[in-house]
Amino acid sequence: MRMQCLVYKSLRQFDYYLFVKKGEDMERVPDALKTLLGNLEFVTDVELHDQRKLAQADVVEVMAQIEAEGYYLQMPPRQGLDHDIS
């Protein structure tokens, strides 16, 4: 399976990236999410396929979510406490 996607970054939420299927663009992105993300800046046009590697997510899961929901939201990795705070 291959999917052509557009990737946007949020100008309000640091390191939040929104993937949408090219041709559908923002049609299926919920209004509440659009409000949360604020203004978006286009980053790239990318072809997703099962051999492509993504830095933070499994590409097959990303494509499945885009098909089901109309978008995939990549958020920054969670920062755990790596040191003793006592």
PDB file of N, CA and C in Angstrom:
ATOM      1  N   MET A   1       0.840  -1.189   0.000  1.00  0.00           N
ATOM      2  CA  MET A   1       0.000   0.000   0.000  1.00  0.00           C
ATOM      3  C   MET A   1       0.880   1.246   0.000  1.00  0.00           C
ATOM      4  N   ARG A   2       0.493   2.208  -0.780  1.00  0.00           N
ATOM      5  CA  ARG A   2       1.195   3.490  -0.842  1.00  0.00           C
ATOM      6  C   ARG A   2       0.185   4.607  -0.620  1.00  0.00           C
ATOM      7  N   MET A   3       0.670   5.673  -0.014  1.00  0.00           N
ATOM      8  CA  MET A   3      -0.206   6.804   0.281  1.00  0.00           C
ATOM      9  C   MET A   3       0.589   8.098   0.165  1.00  0.00           C
ATOM     10  N   GLN A   4       0.084   9.018  -0.616  1.00  0.00           N
ATOM     11  CA  GLN A   4       0.705  10.334  -0.744  1.00  0.00           C
ATOM     12  C   GLN A   4       0.135  11.232   0.346  1.00  0.00           C
ATOM     13  N   CYS A   5       1.008  11.822   1.152  1.00  0.00           N
ATOM     14  CA  CYS A   5       0.577  12.637   2.288  1.00  0.00           C
ATOM     15  C   CYS A   5       1.225  14.011   2.274  1.00  0.00           C
ATOM     16  N   LEU A   6       0.529  14.929   2.914  1.00  0.00           N
ATOM     17  CA  LEU A   6       1.064  16.258   3.174  1.00  0.00           C
ATOM     18  C   LEU A   6       1.332  16.336   4.667  1.00  0.00           C
ATOM     19  N   VAL A   7       2.444  16.945   5.029  1.00  0.00           N
ATOM     20  CA  VAL A   7       2.817  17.068   6.434  1.00  0.00           C
ATOM     21  C   VAL A   7       2.888  18.553   6.784  1.00  0.00           C
ATOM     22  N   TYR A   8       2.236  18.898   7.896  1.00  0.00           N
ATOM     23  CA  TYR A   8       2.211  20.272   8.397  1.00  0.00           C
ATOM     24  C   TYR A   8       2.727  20.286   9.824  1.00  0.00           C
ATOM     25  N   LYS A   9       3.350  21.385  10.224  1.00  0.00           N
ATOM     26  CA  LYS A   9       3.747  21.527  11.624  1.00  0.00           C
ATOM     27  C   LYS A   9       2.910  22.622  12.258  1.00  0.00           C
ATOM     28  N   SER A  10       2.625  22.417  13.540  1.00  0.00           N
ATOM     29  CA  SER A  10       1.861  23.401  14.298  1.00  0.00           C
ATOM     30  C   SER A  10       2.774  24.546  14.690  1.00  0.00           C
ATOM     31  N   LEU A  11       2.302  25.758  14.520  1.00  0.00           N
ATOM     32  CA  LEU A  11       3.066  26.920  14.958  1.00  0.00           C
ATOM     33  C   LEU A  11       2.758  27.260  16.418  1.00  0.00           C
ATOM     34  N   ARG A  12       1.749  26.609  16.987  1.00  0.00           N
ATOM     35  CA  ARG A  12       1.375  26.836  18.379  1.00  0.00           C
ATOM     36  C   ARG A  12       1.941  25.755  19.304  1.00  0.00           C
ATOM     37  N   GLN A  13       1.906  24.505  18.854  1.00  0.00           N
ATOM     38  CA  GLN A  13       2.340  23.368  19.672  1.00  0.00           C
ATOM     39  C   GLN A  13       3.697  22.879  19.152  1.00  0.00           C
ATOM     40  N   PHE A  14       4.733  23.041  19.952  1.00  0.00           N
ATOM     41  CA  PHE A  14       6.091  22.681  19.551  1.00  0.00           C
ATOM     42  C   PHE A  14       6.196  21.189  19.234  1.00  0.00           C
ATOM     43  N   ASP A  15       6.790  20.880  18.101  1.00  0.00           N
ATOM     44  CA  ASP A  15       7.044  19.510  17.655  1.00  0.00           C
ATOM     45  C   ASP A  15       5.789  18.679  17.400  1.00  0.00           C
ATOM     46  N   TYR A  16       4.682  19.309  17.071  1.00  0.00           N
ATOM     47  CA  TYR A  16       3.473  18.596  16.669  1.00  0.00           C
ATOM     48  C   TYR A  16       3.395  18.660  15.148  1.00  0.00           C
ATOM     49  N   TYR A  17       3.238  17.484  14.518  1.00  0.00           N
ATOM     50  CA  TYR A  17       3.156  17.398  13.063  1.00  0.00           C
ATOM     51  C   TYR A  17       1.878  16.671  12.678  1.00  0.00           C
ATOM     52  N   LEU A  18       1.178  17.205  11.700  1.00  0.00           N
ATOM     53  CA  LEU A  18      -0.075  16.641  11.237  1.00  0.00           C
ATOM     54  C   LEU A  18       0.126  16.073   9.837  1.00  0.00           C
ATOM     55  N   PHE A  19      -0.168  14.773   9.685  1.00  0.00           N
ATOM     56  CA  PHE A  19      -0.101  14.088   8.398  1.00  0.00           C
ATOM     57  C   PHE A  19      -1.528  13.946   7.878  1.00  0.00           C
ATOM     58  N   VAL A  20      -1.767  14.343   6.643  1.00  0.00           N
ATOM     59  CA  VAL A  20      -3.078  14.172   6.014  1.00  0.00           C
ATOM     60  C   VAL A  20      -2.880  13.609   4.612  1.00  0.00           C
ATOM     61  N   LYS A  21      -3.887  12.887   4.155  1.00  0.00           N
ATOM     62  CA  LYS A  21      -3.830  12.292   2.826  1.00  0.00           C
ATOM     63  C   LYS A  21      -3.966  13.386   1.775  1.00  0.00           C
ATOM     64  N   LYS A  22      -3.065  13.369   0.814  1.00  0.00           N
ATOM     65  CA  LYS A  22      -3.125  14.359  -0.261  1.00  0.00           C
ATOM     66  C   LYS A  22      -4.440  14.180  -1.013  1.00  0.00           C
ATOM     67  N   GLY A  23      -5.092  15.274  -1.295  1.00  0.00           N
ATOM     68  CA  GLY A  23      -6.382  15.227  -1.971  1.00  0.00           C
ATOM     69  C   GLY A  23      -7.531  15.400  -0.995  1.00  0.00           C
ATOM     70  N   GLU A  24      -7.356  14.909   0.238  1.00  0.00           N
ATOM     71  CA  GLU A  24      -8.371  15.122   1.281  1.00  0.00           C
ATOM     72  C   GLU A  24      -7.989  16.329   2.124  1.00  0.00           C
ATOM     73  N   ASP A  25      -6.691  16.549   2.234  1.00  0.00           N
ATOM     74  CA  ASP A  25      -6.150  17.645   3.022  1.00  0.00           C
ATOM     75  C   ASP A  25      -6.810  17.700   4.402  1.00  0.00           C
ATOM     76  N   MET A  26      -7.394  18.822   4.780  1.00  0.00           N
ATOM     77  CA  MET A  26      -7.917  19.004   6.142  1.00  0.00           C
ATOM     78  C   MET A  26      -9.398  18.638   6.289  1.00  0.00           C
ATOM     79  N   GLU A  27      -9.999  18.064   5.255  1.00  0.00           N
ATOM     80  CA  GLU A  27     -11.432  17.773   5.268  1.00  0.00           C
ATOM     81  C   GLU A  27     -11.883  16.988   6.495  1.00  0.00           C
ATOM     82  N   ARG A  28     -11.118  15.991   6.919  1.00  0.00           N
ATOM     83  CA  ARG A  28     -11.548  15.092   7.990  1.00  0.00           C
ATOM     84  C   ARG A  28     -10.894  15.390   9.338  1.00  0.00           C
ATOM     85  N   VAL A  29     -10.084  16.427   9.404  1.00  0.00           N
ATOM     86  CA  VAL A  29      -9.442  16.800  10.672  1.00  0.00           C
ATOM     87  C   VAL A  29     -10.486  17.519  11.533  1.00  0.00           C
ATOM     88  N   PRO A  30     -10.716  17.032  12.770  1.00  0.00           N
ATOM     89  CA  PRO A  30     -11.723  17.666  13.633  1.00  0.00           C
ATOM     90  C   PRO A  30     -11.400  19.134  13.919  1.00  0.00           C
ATOM     91  N   ASP A  31     -12.445  19.938  14.011  1.00  0.00           N
ATOM     92  CA  ASP A  31     -12.277  21.365  14.290  1.00  0.00           C
ATOM     93  C   ASP A  31     -11.549  21.598  15.610  1.00  0.00           C
ATOM     94  N   ALA A  32     -11.839  20.769  16.621  1.00  0.00           N
ATOM     95  CA  ALA A  32     -11.184  20.926  17.930  1.00  0.00           C
ATOM     96  C   ALA A  32      -9.672  20.742  17.806  1.00  0.00           C
ATOM     97  N   LEU A  33      -9.243  19.800  16.966  1.00  0.00           N
ATOM     98  CA  LEU A  33      -7.808  19.587  16.768  1.00  0.00           C
ATOM     99  C   LEU A  33      -7.200  20.762  16.012  1.00  0.00           C
ATOM    100  N   LYS A  34      -7.897  21.262  15.022  1.00  0.00           N
ATOM    101  CA  LYS A  34      -7.407  22.429  14.286  1.00  0.00           C
ATOM    102  C   LYS A  34      -7.218  23.617  15.231  1.00  0.00           C
ATOM    103  N   THR A  35      -8.164  23.792  16.150  1.00  0.00           N
ATOM    104  CA  THR A  35      -8.071  24.880  17.126  1.00  0.00           C
ATOM    105  C   THR A  35      -6.874  24.676  18.041  1.00  0.00           C
ATOM    106  N   LEU A  36      -6.686  23.455  18.525  1.00  0.00           N
ATOM    107  CA  LEU A  36      -5.560  23.140  19.406  1.00  0.00           C
ATOM    108  C   LEU A  36      -4.224  23.421  18.726  1.00  0.00           C
ATOM    109  N   LEU A  37      -4.103  23.030  17.467  1.00  0.00           N
ATOM    110  CA  LEU A  37      -2.836  23.177  16.751  1.00  0.00           C
ATOM    111  C   LEU A  37      -2.582  24.612  16.298  1.00  0.00           C
ATOM    112  N   GLY A  38      -3.633  25.387  16.121  1.00  0.00           N
ATOM    113  CA  GLY A  38      -3.463  26.760  15.651  1.00  0.00           C
ATOM    114  C   GLY A  38      -3.034  26.790  14.190  1.00  0.00           C
ATOM    115  N   ASN A  39      -2.294  27.817  13.826  1.00  0.00           N
ATOM    116  CA  ASN A  39      -1.815  27.938  12.449  1.00  0.00           C
ATOM    117  C   ASN A  39      -0.851  26.807  12.135  1.00  0.00           C
ATOM    118  N   LEU A  40      -0.978  26.286  10.915  1.00  0.00           N
ATOM    119  CA  LEU A  40      -0.119  25.197  10.456  1.00  0.00           C
ATOM    120  C   LEU A  40       0.756  25.689   9.317  1.00  0.00           C
ATOM    121  N   GLU A  41       1.974  25.179   9.287  1.00  0.00           N
ATOM    122  CA  GLU A  41       2.916  25.509   8.217  1.00  0.00           C
ATOM    123  C   GLU A  41       3.219  24.235   7.445  1.00  0.00           C
ATOM    124  N   PHE A  42       3.089  24.284   6.114  1.00  0.00           N
ATOM    125  CA  PHE A  42       3.400  23.130   5.275  1.00  0.00           C
ATOM    126  C   PHE A  42       4.872  22.781   5.413  1.00  0.00           C
ATOM    127  N   VAL A  43       5.152  21.481   5.597  1.00  0.00           N
ATOM    128  CA  VAL A  43       6.530  21.018   5.741  1.00  0.00           C
ATOM    129  C   VAL A  43       6.981  20.258   4.502  1.00  0.00           C
ATOM    130  N   THR A  44       6.206  19.248   4.097  1.00  0.00           N
ATOM    131  CA  THR A  44       6.629  18.412   2.982  1.00  0.00           C
ATOM    132  C   THR A  44       5.476  17.599   2.424  1.00  0.00           C
ATOM    133  N   ASP A  45       5.688  17.103   1.237  1.00  0.00           N
ATOM    134  CA  ASP A  45       4.803  16.167   0.554  1.00  0.00           C
ATOM    135  C   ASP A  45       5.586  14.857   0.552  1.00  0.00           C
ATOM    136  N   VAL A  46       5.017  13.789   1.107  1.00  0.00           N
ATOM    137  CA  VAL A  46       5.766  12.549   1.267  1.00  0.00           C
ATOM    138  C   VAL A  46       4.918  11.354   0.851  1.00  0.00           C
ATOM    139  N   GLU A  47       5.573  10.368   0.238  1.00  0.00           N
ATOM    140  CA  GLU A  47       4.893   9.119  -0.087  1.00  0.00           C
ATOM    141  C   GLU A  47       5.181   8.117   1.023  1.00  0.00           C
ATOM    142  N   LEU A  48       4.124   7.633   1.655  1.00  0.00           N
ATOM    143  CA  LEU A  48       4.269   6.609   2.687  1.00  0.00           C
ATOM    144  C   LEU A  48       4.037   5.241   2.058  1.00  0.00           C
ATOM    145  N   HIS A  49       4.818   4.270   2.478  1.00  0.00           N
ATOM    146  CA  HIS A  49       4.662   2.876   2.050  1.00  0.00           C
ATOM    147  C   HIS A  49       5.312   2.000   3.104  1.00  0.00           C
ATOM    148  N   ASP A  50       5.028   0.704   3.058  1.00  0.00           N
ATOM    149  CA  ASP A  50       5.457  -0.179   4.144  1.00  0.00           C
ATOM    150  C   ASP A  50       6.968  -0.316   4.304  1.00  0.00           C
ATOM    151  N   GLN A  51       7.744   0.092   3.346  1.00  0.00           N
ATOM    152  CA  GLN A  51       9.206   0.024   3.461  1.00  0.00           C
ATOM    153  C   GLN A  51       9.818   1.325   3.981  1.00  0.00           C
ATOM    154  N   ARG A  52       9.021   2.361   4.067  1.00  0.00           N
ATOM    155  CA  ARG A  52       9.524   3.666   4.518  1.00  0.00           C
ATOM    156  C   ARG A  52       9.661   3.680   6.034  1.00  0.00           C
ATOM    157  N   LYS A  53      10.717   4.277   6.511  1.00  0.00           N
ATOM    158  CA  LYS A  53      10.944   4.409   7.951  1.00  0.00           C
ATOM    159  C   LYS A  53      10.555   5.812   8.396  1.00  0.00           C
ATOM    160  N   LEU A  54       9.840   5.876   9.508  1.00  0.00           N
ATOM    161  CA  LEU A  54       9.520   7.152  10.143  1.00  0.00           C
ATOM    162  C   LEU A  54      10.236   7.197  11.482  1.00  0.00           C
ATOM    163  N   ALA A  55      10.622   8.369  11.903  1.00  0.00           N
ATOM    164  CA  ALA A  55      11.427   8.518  13.117  1.00  0.00           C
ATOM    165  C   ALA A  55      10.690   8.106  14.386  1.00  0.00           C
ATOM    166  N   GLN A  56       9.399   8.388  14.479  1.00  0.00           N
ATOM    167  CA  GLN A  56       8.712   8.185  15.753  1.00  0.00           C
ATOM    168  C   GLN A  56       7.528   7.231  15.708  1.00  0.00           C
ATOM    169  N   ALA A  57       7.209   6.669  14.567  1.00  0.00           N
ATOM    170  CA  ALA A  57       6.022   5.818  14.491  1.00  0.00           C
ATOM    171  C   ALA A  57       6.191   4.755  13.420  1.00  0.00           C
ATOM    172  N   ASP A  58       5.397   3.713  13.545  1.00  0.00           N
ATOM    173  CA  ASP A  58       5.363   2.653  12.542  1.00  0.00           C
ATOM    174  C   ASP A  58       4.545   3.152  11.346  1.00  0.00           C
ATOM    175  N   VAL A  59       5.133   3.121  10.182  1.00  0.00           N
ATOM    176  CA  VAL A  59       4.498   3.697   8.993  1.00  0.00           C
ATOM    177  C   VAL A  59       3.183   3.001   8.652  1.00  0.00           C
ATOM    178  N   VAL A  60       3.084   1.702   8.885  1.00  0.00           N
ATOM    179  CA  VAL A  60       1.841   0.982   8.593  1.00  0.00           C
ATOM    180  C   VAL A  60       0.717   1.469   9.512  1.00  0.00           C
ATOM    181  N   GLU A  61       1.039   1.694  10.782  1.00  0.00           N
ATOM    182  CA  GLU A  61       0.049   2.220  11.729  1.00  0.00           C
ATOM    183  C   GLU A  61      -0.358   3.651  11.364  1.00  0.00           C
ATOM    184  N   VAL A  62       0.601   4.438  10.920  1.00  0.00           N
ATOM    185  CA  VAL A  62       0.312   5.814  10.501  1.00  0.00           C
ATOM    186  C   VAL A  62      -0.659   5.802   9.319  1.00  0.00           C
ATOM    187  N   MET A  63      -0.374   4.982   8.315  1.00  0.00           N
ATOM    188  CA  MET A  63      -1.256   4.909   7.144  1.00  0.00           C
ATOM    189  C   MET A  63      -2.648   4.411   7.533  1.00  0.00           C
ATOM    190  N   ALA A  64      -2.708   3.424   8.431  1.00  0.00           N
ATOM    191  CA  ALA A  64      -4.003   2.894   8.873  1.00  0.00           C
ATOM    192  C   ALA A  64      -4.814   3.976   9.580  1.00  0.00           C
ATOM    193  N   GLN A  65      -4.156   4.766  10.412  1.00  0.00           N
ATOM    194  CA  GLN A  65      -4.882   5.829  11.114  1.00  0.00           C
ATOM    195  C   GLN A  65      -5.352   6.907  10.141  1.00  0.00           C
ATOM    196  N   ILE A  66      -4.520   7.245   9.172  1.00  0.00           N
ATOM    197  CA  ILE A  66      -4.933   8.246   8.182  1.00  0.00           C
ATOM    198  C   ILE A  66      -6.151   7.744   7.400  1.00  0.00           C
ATOM    199  N   GLU A  67      -6.149   6.474   7.025  1.00  0.00           N
ATOM    200  CA  GLU A  67      -7.301   5.904   6.310  1.00  0.00           C
ATOM    201  C   GLU A  67      -8.553   5.931   7.179  1.00  0.00           C
ATOM    202  N   ALA A  68      -8.407   5.561   8.456  1.00  0.00           N
ATOM    203  CA  ALA A  68      -9.555   5.464   9.358  1.00  0.00           C
ATOM    204  C   ALA A  68     -10.065   6.823   9.831  1.00  0.00           C
ATOM    205  N   GLU A  69      -9.144   7.701  10.214  1.00  0.00           N
ATOM    206  CA  GLU A  69      -9.516   8.964  10.854  1.00  0.00           C
ATOM    207  C   GLU A  69      -9.367  10.192   9.959  1.00  0.00           C
ATOM    208  N   GLY A  70      -8.568  10.058   8.912  1.00  0.00           N
ATOM    209  CA  GLY A  70      -8.348  11.198   8.024  1.00  0.00           C
ATOM    210  C   GLY A  70      -7.094  11.986   8.328  1.00  0.00           C
ATOM    211  N   TYR A  71      -6.387  11.593   9.397  1.00  0.00           N
ATOM    212  CA  TYR A  71      -5.166  12.300   9.776  1.00  0.00           C
ATOM    213  C   TYR A  71      -4.361  11.443  10.749  1.00  0.00           C
ATOM    214  N   TYR A  72      -3.101  11.825  10.920  1.00  0.00           N
ATOM    215  CA  TYR A  72      -2.249  11.256  11.970  1.00  0.00           C
ATOM    216  C   TYR A  72      -1.538  12.433  12.623  1.00  0.00           C
ATOM    217  N   LEU A  73      -1.580  12.488  13.942  1.00  0.00           N
ATOM    218  CA  LEU A  73      -0.911  13.554  14.678  1.00  0.00           C
ATOM    219  C   LEU A  73       0.336  12.993  15.342  1.00  0.00           C
ATOM    220  N   GLN A  74       1.488  13.496  14.933  1.00  0.00           N
ATOM    221  CA  GLN A  74       2.757  13.115  15.569  1.00  0.00           C
ATOM    222  C   GLN A  74       3.071  14.151  16.639  1.00  0.00           C
ATOM    223  N   MET A  75       3.214  13.658  17.865  1.00  0.00           N
ATOM    224  CA  MET A  75       3.523  14.539  18.990  1.00  0.00           C
ATOM    225  C   MET A  75       4.965  14.314  19.421  1.00  0.00           C
ATOM    226  N   PRO A  76       5.533  15.250  20.165  1.00  0.00           N
ATOM    227  CA  PRO A  76       6.918  15.070  20.610  1.00  0.00           C
ATOM    228  C   PRO A  76       7.020  13.862  21.528  1.00  0.00           C
ATOM    229  N   PRO A  77       8.184  13.206  21.528  1.00  0.00           N
ATOM    230  CA  PRO A  77       8.353  12.057  22.425  1.00  0.00           C
ATOM    231  C   PRO A  77       8.215  12.500  23.873  1.00  0.00           C
ATOM    232  N   ARG A  78       7.672  11.621  24.678  1.00  0.00           N
ATOM    233  CA  ARG A  78       7.537  11.930  26.107  1.00  0.00           C
ATOM    234  C   ARG A  78       8.898  11.913  26.763  1.00  0.00           C
ATOM    235  N   GLN A  79       9.103  12.883  27.627  1.00  0.00           N
ATOM    236  CA  GLN A  79      10.353  12.973  28.374  1.00  0.00           C
ATOM    237  C   GLN A  79      10.117  12.380  29.758  1.00  0.00           C
ATOM    238  N   GLY A  80      10.796  11.278  30.055  1.00  0.00           N
ATOM    239  CA  GLY A  80      10.671  10.660  31.369  1.00  0.00           C
ATOM    240  C   GLY A  80      11.670  11.257  32.333  1.00  0.00           C
ATOM    241  N   LEU A  81      11.487  10.954  33.592  1.00  0.00           N
ATOM    242  CA  LEU A  81      12.456  11.388  34.602  1.00  0.00           C
ATOM    243  C   LEU A  81      13.596  10.381  34.615  1.00  0.00           C
ATOM    244  N   ASP A  82      14.734  10.795  34.123  1.00  0.00           N
ATOM    245  CA  ASP A  82      15.884   9.904  34.029  1.00  0.00           C
ATOM    246  C   ASP A  82      16.832  10.047  35.202  1.00  0.00           C
ATOM    247  N   HIS A  83      16.495  10.895  36.143  1.00  0.00           N
ATOM    248  CA  HIS A  83      17.410  11.118  37.252  1.00  0.00           C
ATOM    249  C   HIS A  83      16.629  11.170  38.564  1.00  0.00           C
ATOM    250  N   ASP A  84      17.328  10.967  39.648  1.00  0.00           N
ATOM    251  CA  ASP A  84      16.727  10.998  40.977  1.00  0.00           C
ATOM    252  C   ASP A  84      16.498  12.447  41.375  1.00  0.00           C
ATOM    253  N   ILE A  85      15.256  12.782  41.718  1.00  0.00           N
ATOM    254  CA  ILE A  85      14.954  14.171  42.064  1.00  0.00           C
ATOM    255  C   ILE A  85      14.857  14.384  43.572  1.00  0.00           C
ATOM    256  N   SER A  86      15.217  13.390  44.375  1.00  0.00           N
ATOM    257  CA  SER A  86      15.122  13.547  45.835  1.00  0.00           C
ATOM    258  C   SER A  86      16.305  14.285  46.407  1.00  0.00           C
TER     259      SER A  86
END
